[in-house]
PDB file of all heavy atoms in Angstrom:
ATOM      1  N   ILE A   1     113.367  98.365  70.026  1.00  0.00           N
ATOM      2  CA  ILE A   1     113.205  99.314  68.925  1.00  0.00           C
ATOM      3  C   ILE A   1     112.025 100.245  69.157  1.00  0.00           C
ATOM      4  O   ILE A   1     112.064 101.417  68.794  1.00  0.00           O
ATOM      5  CB  ILE A   1     113.010  98.559  67.594  1.00  0.00           C
ATOM      6  CG1 ILE A   1     114.230  97.681  67.303  1.00  0.00           C
ATOM      7  CG2 ILE A   1     112.754  99.535  66.459  1.00  0.00           C
ATOM      8  CD1 ILE A   1     114.045  96.780  66.106  1.00  0.00           C
ATOM      9  N   HIS A   2     110.962  99.703  69.741  1.00  0.00           N
ATOM     10  CA  HIS A   2     109.716 100.451  69.889  1.00  0.00           C
ATOM     11  C   HIS A   2     109.365 100.692  71.351  1.00  0.00           C
ATOM     12  O   HIS A   2     109.729  99.909  72.233  1.00  0.00           O
ATOM     13  CB  HIS A   2     108.569  99.681  69.243  1.00  0.00           C
ATOM     14  CG  HIS A   2     108.738  99.471  67.775  1.00  0.00           C
ATOM     15  ND1 HIS A   2     108.613 100.498  66.860  1.00  0.00           N
ATOM     16  CD2 HIS A   2     109.048  98.361  67.061  1.00  0.00           C
ATOM     17  CE1 HIS A   2     108.822 100.015  65.644  1.00  0.00           C
ATOM     18  NE2 HIS A   2     109.093  98.738  65.737  1.00  0.00           N
ATOM     19  N   ASN A   3     108.650 101.766  71.582  1.00  0.00           N
ATOM     20  CA  ASN A   3     108.014 101.982  72.876  1.00  0.00           C
ATOM     21  C   ASN A   3     106.806 101.061  72.937  1.00  0.00           C
ATOM     22  O   ASN A   3     105.995 101.027  72.016  1.00  0.00           O
ATOM     23  CB  ASN A   3     107.573 103.436  73.027  1.00  0.00           C
ATOM     24  CG  ASN A   3     108.741 104.402  72.926  1.00  0.00           C
ATOM     25  OD1 ASN A   3     109.882 104.035  73.181  1.00  0.00           O
ATOM     26  ND2 ASN A   3     108.449 105.621  72.545  1.00  0.00           N
ATOM     27  N   MET A   4     106.681 100.324  74.031  1.00  0.00           N
ATOM     28  CA  MET A   4     105.653  99.289  74.137  1.00  0.00           C
ATOM     29  C   MET A   4     104.731  99.542  75.310  1.00  0.00           C
ATOM     30  O   MET A   4     105.040 100.332  76.215  1.00  0.00           O
ATOM     31  CB  MET A   4     106.319  97.916  74.299  1.00  0.00           C
ATOM     32  CG  MET A   4     107.219  97.514  73.147  1.00  0.00           C
ATOM     33  SD  MET A   4     106.315  97.304  71.602  1.00  0.00           S
ATOM     34  CE  MET A   4     105.201  95.967  72.032  1.00  0.00           C
ATOM     35  N   ALA A   5     103.607  98.842  75.303  1.00  0.00           N
ATOM     36  CA  ALA A   5     102.635  99.062  76.374  1.00  0.00           C
ATOM     37  C   ALA A   5     101.748  97.848  76.572  1.00  0.00           C
ATOM     38  O   ALA A   5     101.611  97.007  75.674  1.00  0.00           O
ATOM     39  CB  ALA A   5     101.771 100.276  76.062  1.00  0.00           C
ATOM     40  N   TRP A   6     101.190  97.772  77.747  1.00  0.00           N
ATOM     41  CA  TRP A   6     100.107  96.840  78.056  1.00  0.00           C
ATOM     42  C   TRP A   6      98.800  97.629  78.045  1.00  0.00           C
ATOM     43  O   TRP A   6      98.732  98.755  78.557  1.00  0.00           O
ATOM     44  CB  TRP A   6     100.311  96.201  79.422  1.00  0.00           C
ATOM     45  CG  TRP A   6     101.296  95.088  79.438  1.00  0.00           C
ATOM     46  CD1 TRP A   6     102.612  95.148  79.804  1.00  0.00           C
ATOM     47  CD2 TRP A   6     101.042  93.721  79.090  1.00  0.00           C
ATOM     48  NE1 TRP A   6     103.202  93.918  79.695  1.00  0.00           N
ATOM     49  CE2 TRP A   6     102.255  93.015  79.265  1.00  0.00           C
ATOM     50  CE3 TRP A   6      99.927  93.020  78.653  1.00  0.00           C
ATOM     51  CZ2 TRP A   6     102.374  91.644  79.015  1.00  0.00           C
ATOM     52  CZ3 TRP A   6     100.041  91.670  78.412  1.00  0.00           C
ATOM     53  CH2 TRP A   6     101.256  90.990  78.591  1.00  0.00           C
ATOM     54  N   TYR A   7      97.778  97.005  77.488  1.00  0.00           N
ATOM     55  CA  TYR A   7      96.452  97.585  77.433  1.00  0.00           C
ATOM     56  C   TYR A   7      95.457  96.578  78.018  1.00  0.00           C
ATOM     57  O   TYR A   7      95.758  95.390  78.122  1.00  0.00           O
ATOM     58  CB  TYR A   7      96.045  97.868  75.979  1.00  0.00           C
ATOM     59  CG  TYR A   7      96.978  98.783  75.235  1.00  0.00           C
ATOM     60  CD1 TYR A   7      98.123  98.292  74.631  1.00  0.00           C
ATOM     61  CD2 TYR A   7      96.704 100.151  75.122  1.00  0.00           C
ATOM     62  CE1 TYR A   7      98.988  99.123  73.944  1.00  0.00           C
ATOM     63  CE2 TYR A   7      97.568 100.990  74.430  1.00  0.00           C
ATOM     64  CZ  TYR A   7      98.705 100.465  73.847  1.00  0.00           C
ATOM     65  OH  TYR A   7      99.564 101.294  73.172  1.00  0.00           O
ATOM     66  N   ARG A   8      94.265  97.062  78.329  1.00  0.00           N
ATOM     67  CA  ARG A   8      93.200  96.153  78.738  1.00  0.00           C
ATOM     68  C   ARG A   8      91.866  96.671  78.211  1.00  0.00           C
ATOM     69  O   ARG A   8      91.694  97.859  77.960  1.00  0.00           O
ATOM     70  CB  ARG A   8      93.159  95.985  80.256  1.00  0.00           C
ATOM     71  CG  ARG A   8      92.762  97.222  81.032  1.00  0.00           C
ATOM     72  CD  ARG A   8      92.926  96.964  82.529  1.00  0.00           C
ATOM     73  NE  ARG A   8      92.515  98.106  83.330  1.00  0.00           N
ATOM     74  CZ  ARG A   8      92.698  98.191  84.648  1.00  0.00           C
ATOM     75  NH1 ARG A   8      93.288  97.198  85.308  1.00  0.00           N
ATOM     76  NH2 ARG A   8      92.292  99.266  85.303  1.00  0.00           N
ATOM     77  N   GLN A   9      90.958  95.729  78.065  1.00  0.00           N
ATOM     78  CA  GLN A   9      89.642  96.074  77.522  1.00  0.00           C
ATOM     79  C   GLN A   9      88.586  95.215  78.184  1.00  0.00           C
ATOM     80  O   GLN A   9      88.756  93.994  78.348  1.00  0.00           O
ATOM     81  CB  GLN A   9      89.620  95.877  76.013  1.00  0.00           C
ATOM     82  CG  GLN A   9      88.358  96.380  75.348  1.00  0.00           C
ATOM     83  CD  GLN A   9      88.461  96.345  73.828  1.00  0.00           C
ATOM     84  OE1 GLN A   9      89.199  95.558  73.255  1.00  0.00           O
ATOM     85  NE2 GLN A   9      87.709  97.229  73.174  1.00  0.00           N
ATOM     86  N   THR A  10      87.476  95.866  78.530  1.00  0.00           N
ATOM     87  CA  THR A  10      86.310  95.163  79.038  1.00  0.00           C
ATOM     88  C   THR A  10      85.184  95.358  78.032  1.00  0.00           C
ATOM     89  O   THR A  10      85.190  96.318  77.260  1.00  0.00           O
ATOM     90  CB  THR A  10      85.893  95.689  80.417  1.00  0.00           C
ATOM     91  OG1 THR A  10      85.703  97.110  80.331  1.00  0.00           O
ATOM     92  CG2 THR A  10      86.965  95.395  81.458  1.00  0.00           C
ATOM     93  N   PRO A  11      84.209  94.450  78.031  1.00  0.00           N
ATOM     94  CA  PRO A  11      83.118  94.542  77.049  1.00  0.00           C
ATOM     95  C   PRO A  11      82.429  95.898  77.085  1.00  0.00           C
ATOM     96  O   PRO A  11      82.094  96.416  78.155  1.00  0.00           O
ATOM     97  CB  PRO A  11      82.173  93.415  77.489  1.00  0.00           C
ATOM     98  CG  PRO A  11      83.052  92.427  78.152  1.00  0.00           C
ATOM     99  CD  PRO A  11      84.093  93.235  78.865  1.00  0.00           C
ATOM    100  N   GLY A  12      82.242  96.457  75.914  1.00  0.00           N
ATOM    101  CA  GLY A  12      81.534  97.731  75.813  1.00  0.00           C
ATOM    102  C   GLY A  12      82.383  98.957  76.077  1.00  0.00           C
ATOM    103  O   GLY A  12      81.885 100.080  76.001  1.00  0.00           O
ATOM    104  N   LYS A  13      83.644  98.756  76.385  1.00  0.00           N
ATOM    105  CA  LYS A  13      84.535  99.880  76.675  1.00  0.00           C
ATOM    106  C   LYS A  13      85.708  99.889  75.715  1.00  0.00           C
ATOM    107  O   LYS A  13      86.075  98.874  75.148  1.00  0.00           O
ATOM    108  CB  LYS A  13      85.035  99.821  78.114  1.00  0.00           C
ATOM    109  CG  LYS A  13      83.960 100.034  79.159  1.00  0.00           C
ATOM    110  CD  LYS A  13      84.566 100.151  80.541  1.00  0.00           C
ATOM    111  CE  LYS A  13      83.518 100.431  81.596  1.00  0.00           C
ATOM    112  NZ  LYS A  13      84.114 100.568  82.950  1.00  0.00           N
ATOM    113  N   GLN A  14      86.299 101.076  75.567  1.00  0.00           N
ATOM    114  CA  GLN A  14      87.482 101.186  74.724  1.00  0.00           C
ATOM    115  C   GLN A  14      88.680 100.570  75.425  1.00  0.00           C
ATOM    116  O   GLN A  14      88.765 100.534  76.655  1.00  0.00           O
ATOM    117  CB  GLN A  14      87.761 102.660  74.418  1.00  0.00           C
ATOM    118  CG  GLN A  14      86.814 103.272  73.399  1.00  0.00           C
ATOM    119  CD  GLN A  14      87.302 104.610  72.890  1.00  0.00           C
ATOM    120  OE1 GLN A  14      88.016 105.318  73.583  1.00  0.00           O
ATOM    121  NE2 GLN A  14      86.930 104.956  71.661  1.00  0.00           N
ATOM    122  N   ARG A  15      89.601 100.121  74.603  1.00  0.00           N
ATOM    123  CA  ARG A  15      90.845  99.606  75.133  1.00  0.00           C
ATOM    124  C   ARG A  15      91.603 100.741  75.823  1.00  0.00           C
ATOM    125  O   ARG A  15      91.679 101.852  75.294  1.00  0.00           O
ATOM    126  CB  ARG A  15      91.672  99.018  73.992  1.00  0.00           C
ATOM    127  CG  ARG A  15      92.799  98.115  74.382  1.00  0.00           C
ATOM    128  CD  ARG A  15      93.365  97.477  73.125  1.00  0.00           C
ATOM    129  NE  ARG A  15      92.604  96.329  72.693  1.00  0.00           N
ATOM    130  CZ  ARG A  15      92.326  96.067  71.421  1.00  0.00           C
ATOM    131  NH1 ARG A  15      92.734  96.882  70.479  1.00  0.00           N
ATOM    132  NH2 ARG A  15      91.644  94.992  71.111  1.00  0.00           N
ATOM    133  N   GLU A  16      92.146 100.480  77.006  1.00  0.00           N
ATOM    134  CA  GLU A  16      92.848 101.520  77.750  1.00  0.00           C
ATOM    135  C   GLU A  16      94.272 101.091  78.055  1.00  0.00           C
ATOM    136  O   GLU A  16      94.560  99.913  78.255  1.00  0.00           O
ATOM    137  CB  GLU A  16      92.124 101.842  79.066  1.00  0.00           C
ATOM    138  CG  GLU A  16      92.066 100.705  80.063  1.00  0.00           C
ATOM    139  CD  GLU A  16      91.481 101.127  81.405  1.00  0.00           C
ATOM    140  OE1 GLU A  16      91.169 102.325  81.577  1.00  0.00           O
ATOM    141  OE2 GLU A  16      91.342 100.248  82.274  1.00  0.00           O
ATOM    142  N   LEU A  17      95.153 102.077  78.091  1.00  0.00           N
ATOM    143  CA  LEU A  17      96.549 101.807  78.383  1.00  0.00           C
ATOM    144  C   LEU A  17      96.720 101.590  79.880  1.00  0.00           C
ATOM    145  O   LEU A  17      96.191 102.348  80.695  1.00  0.00           O
ATOM    146  CB  LEU A  17      97.421 102.965  77.903  1.00  0.00           C
ATOM    147  CG  LEU A  17      98.932 102.769  77.996  1.00  0.00           C
ATOM    148  CD1 LEU A  17      99.618 103.464  76.815  1.00  0.00           C
ATOM    149  CD2 LEU A  17      99.488 103.314  79.308  1.00  0.00           C
ATOM    150  N   VAL A  18      97.455 100.559  80.233  1.00  0.00           N
ATOM    151  CA  VAL A  18      97.702 100.227  81.628  1.00  0.00           C
ATOM    152  C   VAL A  18      99.113 100.642  82.055  1.00  0.00           C
ATOM    153  O   VAL A  18      99.307 101.233  83.113  1.00  0.00           O
ATOM    154  CB  VAL A  18      97.519  98.717  81.860  1.00  0.00           C
ATOM    155  CG1 VAL A  18      97.882  98.340  83.292  1.00  0.00           C
ATOM    156  CG2 VAL A  18      96.095  98.292  81.541  1.00  0.00           C
ATOM    157  N   ALA A  19     100.086 100.311  81.217  1.00  0.00           N
ATOM    158  CA  ALA A  19     101.479 100.621  81.532  1.00  0.00           C
ATOM    159  C   ALA A  19     102.279 100.679  80.244  1.00  0.00           C
ATOM    160  O   ALA A  19     101.962  99.974  79.291  1.00  0.00           O
ATOM    161  CB  ALA A  19     102.076  99.566  82.465  1.00  0.00           C
ATOM    162  N   SER A  20     103.305 101.505  80.239  1.00  0.00           N
ATOM    163  CA  SER A  20     104.137 101.621  79.037  1.00  0.00           C
ATOM    164  C   SER A  20     105.607 101.640  79.421  1.00  0.00           C
ATOM    165  O   SER A  20     105.981 102.030  80.533  1.00  0.00           O
ATOM    166  CB  SER A  20     103.782 102.879  78.254  1.00  0.00           C
ATOM    167  OG  SER A  20     104.037 104.036  79.022  1.00  0.00           O
ATOM    168  N   ILE A  21     106.426 101.225  78.466  1.00  0.00           N
ATOM    169  CA  ILE A  21     107.876 101.237  78.663  1.00  0.00           C
ATOM    170  C   ILE A  21     108.522 101.649  77.354  1.00  0.00           C
ATOM    171  O   ILE A  21     108.223 101.094  76.302  1.00  0.00           O
ATOM    172  CB  ILE A  21     108.383  99.861  79.157  1.00  0.00           C
ATOM    173  CG1 ILE A  21     109.892  99.892  79.401  1.00  0.00           C
ATOM    174  CG2 ILE A  21     108.002  98.739  78.194  1.00  0.00           C
ATOM    175  CD1 ILE A  21     110.400  98.676  80.168  1.00  0.00           C
ATOM    176  N   THR A  22     109.359 102.669  77.404  1.00  0.00           N
ATOM    177  CA  THR A  22     110.015 103.127  76.186  1.00  0.00           C
ATOM    178  C   THR A  22     111.204 102.234  75.854  1.00  0.00           C
ATOM    179  O   THR A  22     111.664 101.444  76.684  1.00  0.00           O
ATOM    180  CB  THR A  22     110.501 104.571  76.334  1.00  0.00           C
ATOM    181  OG1 THR A  22     111.595 104.604  77.262  1.00  0.00           O
ATOM    182  CG2 THR A  22     109.386 105.489  76.808  1.00  0.00           C
ATOM    183  N   LYS A  23     111.708 102.391  74.642  1.00  0.00           N
ATOM    184  CA  LYS A  23     112.873 101.601  74.243  1.00  0.00           C
ATOM    185  C   LYS A  23     114.077 101.958  75.106  1.00  0.00           C
ATOM    186  O   LYS A  23     114.998 101.152  75.258  1.00  0.00           O
ATOM    187  CB  LYS A  23     113.197 101.803  72.765  1.00  0.00           C
ATOM    188  CG  LYS A  23     113.364 103.239  72.345  1.00  0.00           C
ATOM    189  CD  LYS A  23     113.496 103.350  70.839  1.00  0.00           C
ATOM    190  CE  LYS A  23     113.606 104.797  70.396  1.00  0.00           C
ATOM    191  NZ  LYS A  23     113.695 104.922  68.925  1.00  0.00           N
ATOM    192  N   GLY A  24     114.034 103.134  75.713  1.00  0.00           N
ATOM    193  CA  GLY A  24     115.106 103.525  76.606  1.00  0.00           C
ATOM    194  C   GLY A  24     114.898 103.094  78.043  1.00  0.00           C
ATOM    195  O   GLY A  24     115.789 103.256  78.878  1.00  0.00           O
ATOM    196  N   GLY A  25     113.718 102.528  78.322  1.00  0.00           N
ATOM    197  CA  GLY A  25     113.460 102.004  79.657  1.00  0.00           C
ATOM    198  C   GLY A  25     112.632 102.884  80.565  1.00  0.00           C
ATOM    199  O   GLY A  25     112.385 102.528  81.716  1.00  0.00           O
ATOM    200  N   SER A  26     112.170 104.028  80.080  1.00  0.00           N
ATOM    201  CA  SER A  26     111.298 104.866  80.892  1.00  0.00           C
ATOM    202  C   SER A  26     109.927 104.223  80.995  1.00  0.00           C
ATOM    203  O   SER A  26     109.407 103.702  80.021  1.00  0.00           O
ATOM    204  CB  SER A  26     111.178 106.261  80.287  1.00  0.00           C
ATOM    205  OG  SER A  26     112.431 106.905  80.280  1.00  0.00           O
ATOM    206  N   ILE A  27     109.360 104.310  82.190  1.00  0.00           N
ATOM    207  CA  ILE A  27     108.116 103.589  82.481  1.00  0.00           C
ATOM    208  C   ILE A  27     107.042 104.558  82.964  1.00  0.00           C
ATOM    209  O   ILE A  27     107.332 105.493  83.722  1.00  0.00           O
ATOM    210  CB  ILE A  27     108.371 102.503  83.539  1.00  0.00           C
ATOM    211  CG1 ILE A  27     109.203 101.364  82.932  1.00  0.00           C
ATOM    212  CG2 ILE A  27     107.063 101.970  84.097  1.00  0.00           C
ATOM    213  CD1 ILE A  27     109.663 100.337  83.942  1.00  0.00           C
ATOM    214  N   ASN A  28     105.825 104.305  82.529  1.00  0.00           N
ATOM    215  CA  ASN A  28     104.671 105.054  83.021  1.00  0.00           C
ATOM    216  C   ASN A  28     103.514 104.105  83.270  1.00  0.00           C
ATOM    217  O   ASN A  28     103.388 103.077  82.601  1.00  0.00           O
ATOM    218  CB  ASN A  28     104.243 106.118  82.009  1.00  0.00           C
ATOM    219  CG  ASN A  28     105.123 107.350  82.093  1.00  0.00           C
ATOM    220  OD1 ASN A  28     105.091 108.089  83.077  1.00  0.00           O
ATOM    221  ND2 ASN A  28     105.925 107.572  81.068  1.00  0.00           N
ATOM    222  N   TYR A  29     102.701 104.474  84.235  1.00  0.00           N
ATOM    223  CA  TYR A  29     101.538 103.665  84.588  1.00  0.00           C
ATOM    224  C   TYR A  29     100.283 104.517  84.594  1.00  0.00           C
ATOM    225  O   TYR A  29     100.322 105.697  84.936  1.00  0.00           O
ATOM    226  CB  TYR A  29     101.708 103.049  85.975  1.00  0.00           C
ATOM    227  CG  TYR A  29     102.865 102.090  86.095  1.00  0.00           C
ATOM    228  CD1 TYR A  29     104.077 102.507  86.637  1.00  0.00           C
ATOM    229  CD2 TYR A  29     102.747 100.776  85.660  1.00  0.00           C
ATOM    230  CE1 TYR A  29     105.149 101.638  86.737  1.00  0.00           C
ATOM    231  CE2 TYR A  29     103.807  99.893  85.762  1.00  0.00           C
ATOM    232  CZ  TYR A  29     105.008 100.326  86.292  1.00  0.00           C
ATOM    233  OH  TYR A  29     106.062  99.449  86.390  1.00  0.00           O
ATOM    234  N   ALA A  30      99.164 103.884  84.242  1.00  0.00           N
ATOM    235  CA  ALA A  30      97.879 104.513  84.464  1.00  0.00           C
ATOM    236  C   ALA A  30      97.688 104.663  85.972  1.00  0.00           C
ATOM    237  O   ALA A  30      98.239 103.878  86.754  1.00  0.00           O
ATOM    238  CB  ALA A  30      96.772 103.662  83.867  1.00  0.00           C
ATOM    239  N   ASP A  31      96.917 105.651  86.353  1.00  0.00           N
ATOM    240  CA  ASP A  31      96.703 105.867  87.789  1.00  0.00           C
ATOM    241  C   ASP A  31      96.170 104.609  88.469  1.00  0.00           C
ATOM    242  O   ASP A  31      96.517 104.310  89.619  1.00  0.00           O
ATOM    243  CB  ASP A  31      95.726 107.023  88.001  1.00  0.00           C
ATOM    244  CG  ASP A  31      96.360 108.371  87.691  1.00  0.00           C
ATOM    245  OD1 ASP A  31      97.603 108.443  87.615  1.00  0.00           O
ATOM    246  OD2 ASP A  31      95.598 109.343  87.521  1.00  0.00           O
ATOM    247  N   SER A  32      95.345 103.858  87.754  1.00  0.00           N
ATOM    248  CA  SER A  32      94.744 102.651  88.329  1.00  0.00           C
ATOM    249  C   SER A  32      95.769 101.551  88.588  1.00  0.00           C
ATOM    250  O   SER A  32      95.513 100.626  89.357  1.00  0.00           O
ATOM    251  CB  SER A  32      93.651 102.116  87.406  1.00  0.00           C
ATOM    252  OG  SER A  32      94.195 101.827  86.121  1.00  0.00           O
ATOM    253  N   ALA A  33      96.933 101.653  87.930  1.00  0.00           N
ATOM    254  CA  ALA A  33      97.954 100.607  88.040  1.00  0.00           C
ATOM    255  C   ALA A  33      99.117 101.000  88.950  1.00  0.00           C
ATOM    256  O   ALA A  33      99.890 100.129  89.375  1.00  0.00           O
ATOM    257  CB  ALA A  33      98.490 100.262  86.661  1.00  0.00           C
ATOM    258  N   LYS A  34      99.241 102.259  89.250  1.00  0.00           N
ATOM    259  CA  LYS A  34     100.385 102.739  90.040  1.00  0.00           C
ATOM    260  C   LYS A  34     100.437 102.070  91.404  1.00  0.00           C
ATOM    261  O   LYS A  34      99.434 101.969  92.098  1.00  0.00           O
ATOM    262  CB  LYS A  34     100.314 104.255  90.203  1.00  0.00           C
ATOM    263  CG  LYS A  34     100.663 105.015  88.945  1.00  0.00           C
ATOM    264  CD  LYS A  34     100.545 106.519  89.169  1.00  0.00           C
ATOM    265  CE  LYS A  34     100.874 107.278  87.877  1.00  0.00           C
ATOM    266  NZ  LYS A  34     100.685 108.739  88.030  1.00  0.00           N
ATOM    267  N   GLY A  35     101.628 101.607  91.749  1.00  0.00           N
ATOM    268  CA  GLY A  35     101.834 100.989  93.047  1.00  0.00           C
ATOM    269  C   GLY A  35     101.438  99.524  93.125  1.00  0.00           C
ATOM    270  O   GLY A  35     101.726  98.849  94.117  1.00  0.00           O
ATOM    271  N   ARG A  36     100.786  99.027  92.080  1.00  0.00           N
ATOM    272  CA  ARG A  36     100.342  97.621  92.084  1.00  0.00           C
ATOM    273  C   ARG A  36     100.909  96.814  90.924  1.00  0.00           C
ATOM    274  O   ARG A  36     101.157  95.618  91.079  1.00  0.00           O
ATOM    275  CB  ARG A  36      98.810  97.560  92.026  1.00  0.00           C
ATOM    276  CG  ARG A  36      98.123  98.255  93.170  1.00  0.00           C
ATOM    277  CD  ARG A  36      96.604  97.991  93.155  1.00  0.00           C
ATOM    278  NE  ARG A  36      95.981  98.471  91.918  1.00  0.00           N
ATOM    279  CZ  ARG A  36      95.256  97.711  91.113  1.00  0.00           C
ATOM    280  NH1 ARG A  36      95.050  96.439  91.400  1.00  0.00           N
ATOM    281  NH2 ARG A  36      94.712  98.223  90.013  1.00  0.00           N
TER     282      ARG A  36
END
């Protein structure tokens, strides 16, 4: 139903998006996650 994502957070920093997947299956990655 929803577009979903993985996030990560380290102490003192804002939560950042790592990877996302839409309800239709489209996928995007943060540059730091691409290829890994």
